[in-house]
Amino acid sequence: MIVGASPKSEDLVVNVCKKKHLTNTRASGSDDALRLVPPRILSLEDSLEFLADDELLEVTPKNIRIRKRNLSNTMHAKERAKING
């Protein structure tokens, strides 16, 4: 599932279930200052405009979800390698 938008052109692989470990930090309060932007609720039309070429839109009675066409990270890497030559 897509969980955010990045200003970079390539996709970032993240695991939203793992929490950030607070080891090796220099400042004690540096991670406390992190503020998350509230999620944007997209309508069906907005979701269709947001889609990239390698993404799908799943519509259920309760949810609208955007996800990648291939769910495997290794498949994403193989496709990028084919495109880039």
PDB file of N, CA and C in Angstrom:
ATOM      1  N   MET A   1       0.846  -1.173   0.000  1.00  0.00           N
ATOM      2  CA  MET A   1       0.000   0.000   0.000  1.00  0.00           C
ATOM      3  C   MET A   1       0.892   1.237   0.000  1.00  0.00           C
ATOM      4  N   ILE A   2       0.435   2.260  -0.606  1.00  0.00           N
ATOM      5  CA  ILE A   2       1.180   3.512  -0.652  1.00  0.00           C
ATOM      6  C   ILE A   2       0.802   4.321   0.586  1.00  0.00           C
ATOM      7  N   VAL A   3       1.814   4.774   1.316  1.00  0.00           N
ATOM      8  CA  VAL A   3       1.558   5.465   2.576  1.00  0.00           C
ATOM      9  C   VAL A   3       1.946   6.934   2.550  1.00  0.00           C
ATOM     10  N   GLY A   4       2.492   7.418   1.446  1.00  0.00           N
ATOM     11  CA  GLY A   4       2.876   8.813   1.392  1.00  0.00           C
ATOM     12  C   GLY A   4       3.439   9.192   0.044  1.00  0.00           C
ATOM     13  N   ALA A   5       3.707  10.486  -0.121  1.00  0.00           N
ATOM     14  CA  ALA A   5       4.287  11.003  -1.355  1.00  0.00           C
ATOM     15  C   ALA A   5       5.678  11.521  -1.052  1.00  0.00           C
ATOM     16  N   SER A   6       6.607  11.239  -1.953  1.00  0.00           N
ATOM     17  CA  SER A   6       7.991  11.662  -1.792  1.00  0.00           C
ATOM     18  C   SER A   6       8.317  12.702  -2.853  1.00  0.00           C
ATOM     19  N   PRO A   7       9.115  13.711  -2.504  1.00  0.00           N
ATOM     20  CA  PRO A   7       9.488  14.698  -3.522  1.00  0.00           C
ATOM     21  C   PRO A   7      10.469  14.140  -4.545  1.00  0.00           C
ATOM     22  N   LYS A   8      11.081  13.003  -4.256  1.00  0.00           N
ATOM     23  CA  LYS A   8      12.012  12.370  -5.192  1.00  0.00           C
ATOM     24  C   LYS A   8      11.229  11.557  -6.221  1.00  0.00           C
ATOM     25  N   SER A   9      11.853  11.299  -7.356  1.00  0.00           N
ATOM     26  CA  SER A   9      11.150  10.591  -8.425  1.00  0.00           C
ATOM     27  C   SER A   9      11.056   9.091  -8.172  1.00  0.00           C
ATOM     28  N   GLU A  10      12.021   8.511  -7.434  1.00  0.00           N
ATOM     29  CA  GLU A  10      11.973   7.067  -7.191  1.00  0.00           C
ATOM     30  C   GLU A  10      11.156   6.753  -5.940  1.00  0.00           C
ATOM     31  N   ASP A  11      10.732   5.501  -5.848  1.00  0.00           N
ATOM     32  CA  ASP A  11       9.931   5.052  -4.711  1.00  0.00           C
ATOM     33  C   ASP A  11      10.827   4.725  -3.530  1.00  0.00           C
ATOM     34  N   LEU A  12      10.329   4.969  -2.321  1.00  0.00           N
ATOM     35  CA  LEU A  12      11.026   4.608  -1.101  1.00  0.00           C
ATOM     36  C   LEU A  12      10.321   3.410  -0.488  1.00  0.00           C
ATOM     37  N   VAL A  13      11.089   2.414  -0.099  1.00  0.00           N
ATOM     38  CA  VAL A  13      10.520   1.232   0.530  1.00  0.00           C
ATOM     39  C   VAL A  13      10.580   1.440   2.041  1.00  0.00           C
ATOM     40  N   VAL A  14       9.427   1.412   2.688  1.00  0.00           N
ATOM     41  CA  VAL A  14       9.361   1.598   4.136  1.00  0.00           C
ATOM     42  C   VAL A  14       8.512   0.494   4.743  1.00  0.00           C
ATOM     43  N   ASN A  15       8.771   0.220   6.008  1.00  0.00           N
ATOM     44  CA  ASN A  15       7.954  -0.707   6.765  1.00  0.00           C
ATOM     45  C   ASN A  15       7.271   0.117   7.854  1.00  0.00           C
ATOM     46  N   VAL A  16       5.989   0.378   7.699  1.00  0.00           N
ATOM     47  CA  VAL A  16       5.283   1.247   8.629  1.00  0.00           C
ATOM     48  C   VAL A  16       4.989   0.555   9.950  1.00  0.00           C
ATOM     49  N   CYS A  17       5.220  -0.750  10.039  1.00  0.00           N
ATOM     50  CA  CYS A  17       4.963  -1.477  11.279  1.00  0.00           C
ATOM     51  C   CYS A  17       6.142  -1.432  12.239  1.00  0.00           C
ATOM     52  N   LYS A  18       7.341  -1.178  11.736  1.00  0.00           N
ATOM     53  CA  LYS A  18       8.516  -1.141  12.599  1.00  0.00           C
ATOM     54  C   LYS A  18       8.705   0.262  13.151  1.00  0.00           C
ATOM     55  N   LYS A  19       8.966   0.354  14.439  1.00  0.00           N
ATOM     56  CA  LYS A  19       9.218   1.668  15.028  1.00  0.00           C
ATOM     57  C   LYS A  19      10.699   1.993  14.946  1.00  0.00           C
ATOM     58  N   LYS A  20      11.013   3.266  14.963  1.00  0.00           N
ATOM     59  CA  LYS A  20      12.393   3.704  14.868  1.00  0.00           C
ATOM     60  C   LYS A  20      13.097   3.439  16.191  1.00  0.00           C
ATOM     61  N   HIS A  21      14.250   2.791  16.133  1.00  0.00           N
ATOM     62  CA  HIS A  21      15.024   2.531  17.342  1.00  0.00           C
ATOM     63  C   HIS A  21      15.783   3.785  17.742  1.00  0.00           C
ATOM     64  N   LEU A  22      15.808   4.078  19.001  1.00  0.00           N
ATOM     65  CA  LEU A  22      16.434   5.298  19.497  1.00  0.00           C
ATOM     66  C   LEU A  22      17.851   5.043  19.985  1.00  0.00           C
ATOM     67  N   THR A  23      18.602   4.229  19.259  1.00  0.00           N
ATOM     68  CA  THR A  23      19.989   3.981  19.627  1.00  0.00           C
ATOM     69  C   THR A  23      20.893   4.905  18.843  1.00  0.00           C
ATOM     70  N   ASN A  24      22.013   5.222  19.429  1.00  0.00           N
ATOM     71  CA  ASN A  24      23.029   6.024  18.771  1.00  0.00           C
ATOM     72  C   ASN A  24      22.569   7.445  18.441  1.00  0.00           C
ATOM     73  N   THR A  25      21.691   8.015  19.219  1.00  0.00           N
ATOM     74  CA  THR A  25      21.257   9.389  18.973  1.00  0.00           C
ATOM     75  C   THR A  25      22.131  10.341  19.763  1.00  0.00           C
ATOM     76  N   ARG A  26      22.416  11.482  19.193  1.00  0.00           N
ATOM     77  CA  ARG A  26      23.276  12.464  19.843  1.00  0.00           C
ATOM     78  C   ARG A  26      22.475  13.415  20.727  1.00  0.00           C
ATOM     79  N   ALA A  27      21.332  13.854  20.250  1.00  0.00           N
ATOM     80  CA  ALA A  27      20.511  14.767  21.037  1.00  0.00           C
ATOM     81  C   ALA A  27      19.354  13.984  21.651  1.00  0.00           C
ATOM     82  N   SER A  28      19.086  14.231  22.901  1.00  0.00           N
ATOM     83  CA  SER A  28      18.073  13.435  23.588  1.00  0.00           C
ATOM     84  C   SER A  28      16.656  13.741  23.107  1.00  0.00           C
ATOM     85  N   GLY A  29      16.377  14.959  22.682  1.00  0.00           N
ATOM     86  CA  GLY A  29      15.014  15.308  22.276  1.00  0.00           C
ATOM     87  C   GLY A  29      14.836  15.468  20.790  1.00  0.00           C
ATOM     88  N   SER A  30      15.782  15.005  19.983  1.00  0.00           N
ATOM     89  CA  SER A  30      15.697  15.235  18.537  1.00  0.00           C
ATOM     90  C   SER A  30      14.534  14.472  17.903  1.00  0.00           C
ATOM     91  N   ASP A  31      14.225  13.283  18.380  1.00  0.00           N
ATOM     92  CA  ASP A  31      13.125  12.509  17.810  1.00  0.00           C
ATOM     93  C   ASP A  31      11.773  12.948  18.354  1.00  0.00           C
ATOM     94  N   ASP A  32      11.755  13.637  19.476  1.00  0.00           N
ATOM     95  CA  ASP A  32      10.489  14.099  20.029  1.00  0.00           C
ATOM     96  C   ASP A  32       9.913  15.253  19.228  1.00  0.00           C
ATOM     97  N   ALA A  33      10.761  15.983  18.511  1.00  0.00           N
ATOM     98  CA  ALA A  33      10.312  17.143  17.753  1.00  0.00           C
ATOM     99  C   ALA A  33       9.691  16.772  16.414  1.00  0.00           C
ATOM    100  N   LEU A  34       9.691  15.501  16.057  1.00  0.00           N
ATOM    101  CA  LEU A  34       9.139  15.059  14.792  1.00  0.00           C
ATOM    102  C   LEU A  34       7.627  15.242  14.795  1.00  0.00           C
ATOM    103  N   ARG A  35       7.134  15.980  13.821  1.00  0.00           N
ATOM    104  CA  ARG A  35       5.694  16.221  13.695  1.00  0.00           C
ATOM    105  C   ARG A  35       5.220  15.641  12.377  1.00  0.00           C
ATOM    106  N   LEU A  36       4.169  14.864  12.429  1.00  0.00           N
ATOM    107  CA  LEU A  36       3.628  14.259  11.221  1.00  0.00           C
ATOM    108  C   LEU A  36       2.496  15.112  10.670  1.00  0.00           C
ATOM    109  N   VAL A  37       2.451  15.201   9.370  1.00  0.00           N
ATOM    110  CA  VAL A  37       1.388  15.926   8.697  1.00  0.00           C
ATOM    111  C   VAL A  37       0.153  15.031   8.682  1.00  0.00           C
ATOM    112  N   PRO A  38      -1.026  15.562   8.975  1.00  0.00           N
ATOM    113  CA  PRO A  38      -2.225  14.717   8.944  1.00  0.00           C
ATOM    114  C   PRO A  38      -2.475  14.175   7.535  1.00  0.00           C
ATOM    115  N   PRO A  39      -3.061  12.997   7.428  1.00  0.00           N
ATOM    116  CA  PRO A  39      -3.267  12.395   6.104  1.00  0.00           C
ATOM    117  C   PRO A  39      -4.279  13.178   5.277  1.00  0.00           C
ATOM    118  N   ARG A  40      -4.049  13.166   3.969  1.00  0.00           N
ATOM    119  CA  ARG A  40      -5.009  13.778   3.047  1.00  0.00           C
ATOM    120  C   ARG A  40      -6.045  12.730   2.690  1.00  0.00           C
ATOM    121  N   ILE A  41      -7.299  13.074   2.807  1.00  0.00           N
ATOM    122  CA  ILE A  41      -8.376  12.172   2.412  1.00  0.00           C
ATOM    123  C   ILE A  41      -8.710  12.488   0.966  1.00  0.00           C
ATOM    124  N   LEU A  42      -8.421  11.533   0.067  1.00  0.00           N
ATOM    125  CA  LEU A  42      -8.631  11.750  -1.352  1.00  0.00           C
ATOM    126  C   LEU A  42      -9.980  11.203  -1.788  1.00  0.00           C
ATOM    127  N   SER A  43     -10.645  11.949  -2.655  1.00  0.00           N
ATOM    128  CA  SER A  43     -11.875  11.448  -3.254  1.00  0.00           C
ATOM    129  C   SER A  43     -11.508  10.495  -4.386  1.00  0.00           C
ATOM    130  N   LEU A  44     -12.487   9.898  -5.007  1.00  0.00           N
ATOM    131  CA  LEU A  44     -12.231   8.973  -6.101  1.00  0.00           C
ATOM    132  C   LEU A  44     -11.543   9.694  -7.261  1.00  0.00           C
ATOM    133  N   GLU A  45     -11.997  10.883  -7.594  1.00  0.00           N
ATOM    134  CA  GLU A  45     -11.405  11.649  -8.686  1.00  0.00           C
ATOM    135  C   GLU A  45      -9.973  12.063  -8.360  1.00  0.00           C
ATOM    136  N   ASP A  46      -9.733  12.508  -7.122  1.00  0.00           N
ATOM    137  CA  ASP A  46      -8.379  12.889  -6.711  1.00  0.00           C
ATOM    138  C   ASP A  46      -7.440  11.690  -6.733  1.00  0.00           C
ATOM    139  N   SER A  47      -7.937  10.524  -6.329  1.00  0.00           N
ATOM    140  CA  SER A  47      -7.125   9.312  -6.331  1.00  0.00           C
ATOM    141  C   SER A  47      -6.737   8.910  -7.740  1.00  0.00           C
ATOM    142  N   LEU A  48      -7.653   9.048  -8.686  1.00  0.00           N
ATOM    143  CA  LEU A  48      -7.356   8.713 -10.070  1.00  0.00           C
ATOM    144  C   LEU A  48      -6.297   9.647 -10.652  1.00  0.00           C
ATOM    145  N   GLU A  49      -6.328  10.918 -10.266  1.00  0.00           N
ATOM    146  CA  GLU A  49      -5.317  11.868 -10.734  1.00  0.00           C
ATOM    147  C   GLU A  49      -3.968  11.601 -10.092  1.00  0.00           C
ATOM    148  N   PHE A  50      -3.944  11.080  -8.881  1.00  0.00           N
ATOM    149  CA  PHE A  50      -2.721  10.829  -8.120  1.00  0.00           C
ATOM    150  C   PHE A  50      -1.969   9.595  -8.607  1.00  0.00           C
ATOM    151  N   LEU A  51      -2.645   8.678  -9.282  1.00  0.00           N
ATOM    152  CA  LEU A  51      -2.058   7.402  -9.689  1.00  0.00           C
ATOM    153  C   LEU A  51      -0.876   7.582 -10.634  1.00  0.00           C
ATOM    154  N   ALA A  52       0.140   6.739 -10.455  1.00  0.00           N
ATOM    155  CA  ALA A  52       1.268   6.646 -11.387  1.00  0.00           C
ATOM    156  C   ALA A  52       1.023   5.450 -12.306  1.00  0.00           C
ATOM    157  N   ASP A  53       1.936   5.234 -13.249  1.00  0.00           N
ATOM    158  CA  ASP A  53       1.757   4.157 -14.224  1.00  0.00           C
ATOM    159  C   ASP A  53       1.815   2.768 -13.608  1.00  0.00           C
ATOM    160  N   ASP A  54       2.565   2.616 -12.510  1.00  0.00           N
ATOM    161  CA  ASP A  54       2.735   1.298 -11.906  1.00  0.00           C
ATOM    162  C   ASP A  54       1.856   1.104 -10.671  1.00  0.00           C
ATOM    163  N   GLU A  55       0.764   1.835 -10.573  1.00  0.00           N
ATOM    164  CA  GLU A  55      -0.108   1.762  -9.393  1.00  0.00           C
ATOM    165  C   GLU A  55      -1.527   1.403  -9.793  1.00  0.00           C
ATOM    166  N   LEU A  56      -2.248   0.834  -8.839  1.00  0.00           N
ATOM    167  CA  LEU A  56      -3.648   0.465  -9.023  1.00  0.00           C
ATOM    168  C   LEU A  56      -4.497   1.148  -7.967  1.00  0.00           C
ATOM    169  N   LEU A  57      -5.765   1.313  -8.255  1.00  0.00           N
ATOM    170  CA  LEU A  57      -6.710   1.894  -7.305  1.00  0.00           C
ATOM    171  C   LEU A  57      -7.705   0.812  -6.907  1.00  0.00           C
ATOM    172  N   GLU A  58      -7.762   0.520  -5.615  1.00  0.00           N
ATOM    173  CA  GLU A  58      -8.714  -0.466  -5.088  1.00  0.00           C
ATOM    174  C   GLU A  58      -9.868   0.289  -4.456  1.00  0.00           C
ATOM    175  N   VAL A  59     -11.064   0.004  -4.917  1.00  0.00           N
ATOM    176  CA  VAL A  59     -12.254   0.680  -4.398  1.00  0.00           C
ATOM    177  C   VAL A  59     -13.147  -0.369  -3.755  1.00  0.00           C
ATOM    178  N   THR A  60     -13.443  -0.188  -2.467  1.00  0.00           N
ATOM    179  CA  THR A  60     -14.368  -1.040  -1.734  1.00  0.00           C
ATOM    180  C   THR A  60     -15.484  -0.146  -1.200  1.00  0.00           C
ATOM    181  N   PRO A  61     -16.539  -0.710  -0.655  1.00  0.00           N
ATOM    182  CA  PRO A  61     -17.602   0.149  -0.123  1.00  0.00           C
ATOM    183  C   PRO A  61     -17.145   1.087   0.997  1.00  0.00           C
ATOM    184  N   LYS A  62     -16.104   0.707   1.754  1.00  0.00           N
ATOM    185  CA  LYS A  62     -15.671   1.551   2.869  1.00  0.00           C
ATOM    186  C   LYS A  62     -14.372   2.302   2.602  1.00  0.00           C
ATOM    187  N   ASN A  63     -13.537   1.849   1.655  1.00  0.00           N
ATOM    188  CA  ASN A  63     -12.207   2.421   1.476  1.00  0.00           C
ATOM    189  C   ASN A  63     -11.859   2.640   0.011  1.00  0.00           C
ATOM    190  N   ILE A  64     -10.963   3.578  -0.197  1.00  0.00           N
ATOM    191  CA  ILE A  64     -10.292   3.776  -1.476  1.00  0.00           C
ATOM    192  C   ILE A  64      -8.810   3.676  -1.179  1.00  0.00           C
ATOM    193  N   ARG A  65      -8.113   2.686  -1.799  1.00  0.00           N
ATOM    194  CA  ARG A  65      -6.694   2.468  -1.530  1.00  0.00           C
ATOM    195  C   ARG A  65      -5.910   2.513  -2.828  1.00  0.00           C
ATOM    196  N   ILE A  66      -4.722   3.116  -2.743  1.00  0.00           N
ATOM    197  CA  ILE A  66      -3.790   3.107  -3.858  1.00  0.00           C
ATOM    198  C   ILE A  66      -2.678   2.139  -3.500  1.00  0.00           C
ATOM    199  N   ARG A  67      -2.321   1.252  -4.424  1.00  0.00           N
ATOM    200  CA  ARG A  67      -1.253   0.296  -4.171  1.00  0.00           C
ATOM    201  C   ARG A  67      -0.452   0.091  -5.440  1.00  0.00           C
ATOM    202  N   LYS A  68       0.729  -0.487  -5.278  1.00  0.00           N
ATOM    203  CA  LYS A  68       1.589  -0.802  -6.406  1.00  0.00           C
ATOM    204  C   LYS A  68       1.028  -2.013  -7.155  1.00  0.00           C
ATOM    205  N   ARG A  69       1.281  -2.055  -8.456  1.00  0.00           N
ATOM    206  CA  ARG A  69       0.808  -3.180  -9.264  1.00  0.00           C
ATOM    207  C   ARG A  69       1.498  -4.471  -8.825  1.00  0.00           C
ATOM    208  N   ASN A  70       2.816  -4.433  -8.639  1.00  0.00           N
ATOM    209  CA  ASN A  70       3.568  -5.579  -8.118  1.00  0.00           C
ATOM    210  C   ASN A  70       3.890  -5.303  -6.660  1.00  0.00           C
ATOM    211  N   LEU A  71       3.521  -6.214  -5.789  1.00  0.00           N
ATOM    212  CA  LEU A  71       3.686  -5.991  -4.356  1.00  0.00           C
ATOM    213  C   LEU A  71       5.060  -6.375  -3.835  1.00  0.00           C
ATOM    214  N   SER A  72       5.857  -7.076  -4.620  1.00  0.00           N
ATOM    215  CA  SER A  72       7.170  -7.532  -4.187  1.00  0.00           C
ATOM    216  C   SER A  72       8.228  -6.477  -4.490  1.00  0.00           C
ATOM    217  N   ASN A  73       9.105  -6.204  -3.531  1.00  0.00           N
ATOM    218  CA  ASN A  73      10.187  -5.240  -3.750  1.00  0.00           C
ATOM    219  C   ASN A  73      11.165  -5.729  -4.798  1.00  0.00           C
ATOM    220  N   THR A  74      11.403  -7.028  -4.872  1.00  0.00           N
ATOM    221  CA  THR A  74      12.329  -7.557  -5.872  1.00  0.00           C
ATOM    222  C   THR A  74      11.761  -7.392  -7.278  1.00  0.00           C
ATOM    223  N   MET A  75      10.461  -7.522  -7.419  1.00  0.00           N
ATOM    224  CA  MET A  75       9.837  -7.316  -8.725  1.00  0.00           C
ATOM    225  C   MET A  75       9.941  -5.856  -9.148  1.00  0.00           C
ATOM    226  N   HIS A  76       9.811  -4.928  -8.182  1.00  0.00           N
ATOM    227  CA  HIS A  76       9.975  -3.497  -8.490  1.00  0.00           C
ATOM    228  C   HIS A  76      11.375  -3.234  -9.006  1.00  0.00           C
ATOM    229  N   ALA A  77      12.376  -3.827  -8.377  1.00  0.00           N
ATOM    230  CA  ALA A  77      13.766  -3.621  -8.788  1.00  0.00           C
ATOM    231  C   ALA A  77      14.005  -4.183 -10.184  1.00  0.00           C
ATOM    232  N   LYS A  78      13.441  -5.349 -10.498  1.00  0.00           N
ATOM    233  CA  LYS A  78      13.607  -5.937 -11.821  1.00  0.00           C
ATOM    234  C   LYS A  78      12.951  -5.075 -12.899  1.00  0.00           C
ATOM    235  N   GLU A  79      11.774  -4.526 -12.599  1.00  0.00           N
ATOM    236  CA  GLU A  79      11.098  -3.661 -13.568  1.00  0.00           C
ATOM    237  C   GLU A  79      11.874  -2.385 -13.812  1.00  0.00           C
ATOM    238  N   ARG A  80      12.424  -1.791 -12.743  1.00  0.00           N
ATOM    239  CA  ARG A  80      13.233  -0.575 -12.907  1.00  0.00           C
ATOM    240  C   ARG A  80      14.481  -0.865 -13.726  1.00  0.00           C
ATOM    241  N   ALA A  81      15.067  -2.046 -13.537  1.00  0.00           N
ATOM    242  CA  ALA A  81      16.266  -2.425 -14.292  1.00  0.00           C
ATOM    243  C   ALA A  81      15.934  -2.582 -15.778  1.00  0.00           C
ATOM    244  N   LYS A  82      14.764  -3.132 -16.097  1.00  0.00           N
ATOM    245  CA  LYS A  82      14.351  -3.262 -17.494  1.00  0.00           C
ATOM    246  C   LYS A  82      14.148  -1.892 -18.134  1.00  0.00           C
ATOM    247  N   ILE A  83      13.520  -0.995 -17.395  1.00  0.00           N
ATOM    248  CA  ILE A  83      13.219   0.341 -17.933  1.00  0.00           C
ATOM    249  C   ILE A  83      14.487   1.146 -18.140  1.00  0.00           C
ATOM    250  N   ASN A  84      15.396   1.081 -17.167  1.00  0.00           N
ATOM    251  CA  ASN A  84      16.614   1.884 -17.233  1.00  0.00           C
ATOM    252  C   ASN A  84      17.684   1.283 -18.133  1.00  0.00           C
ATOM    253  N   GLY A  85      17.469   0.095 -18.616  1.00  0.00           N
ATOM    254  CA  GLY A  85      18.394  -0.484 -19.586  1.00  0.00           C
ATOM    255  C   GLY A  85      19.332  -1.420 -18.980  1.00  0.00           C
TER     256      GLY A  85
END
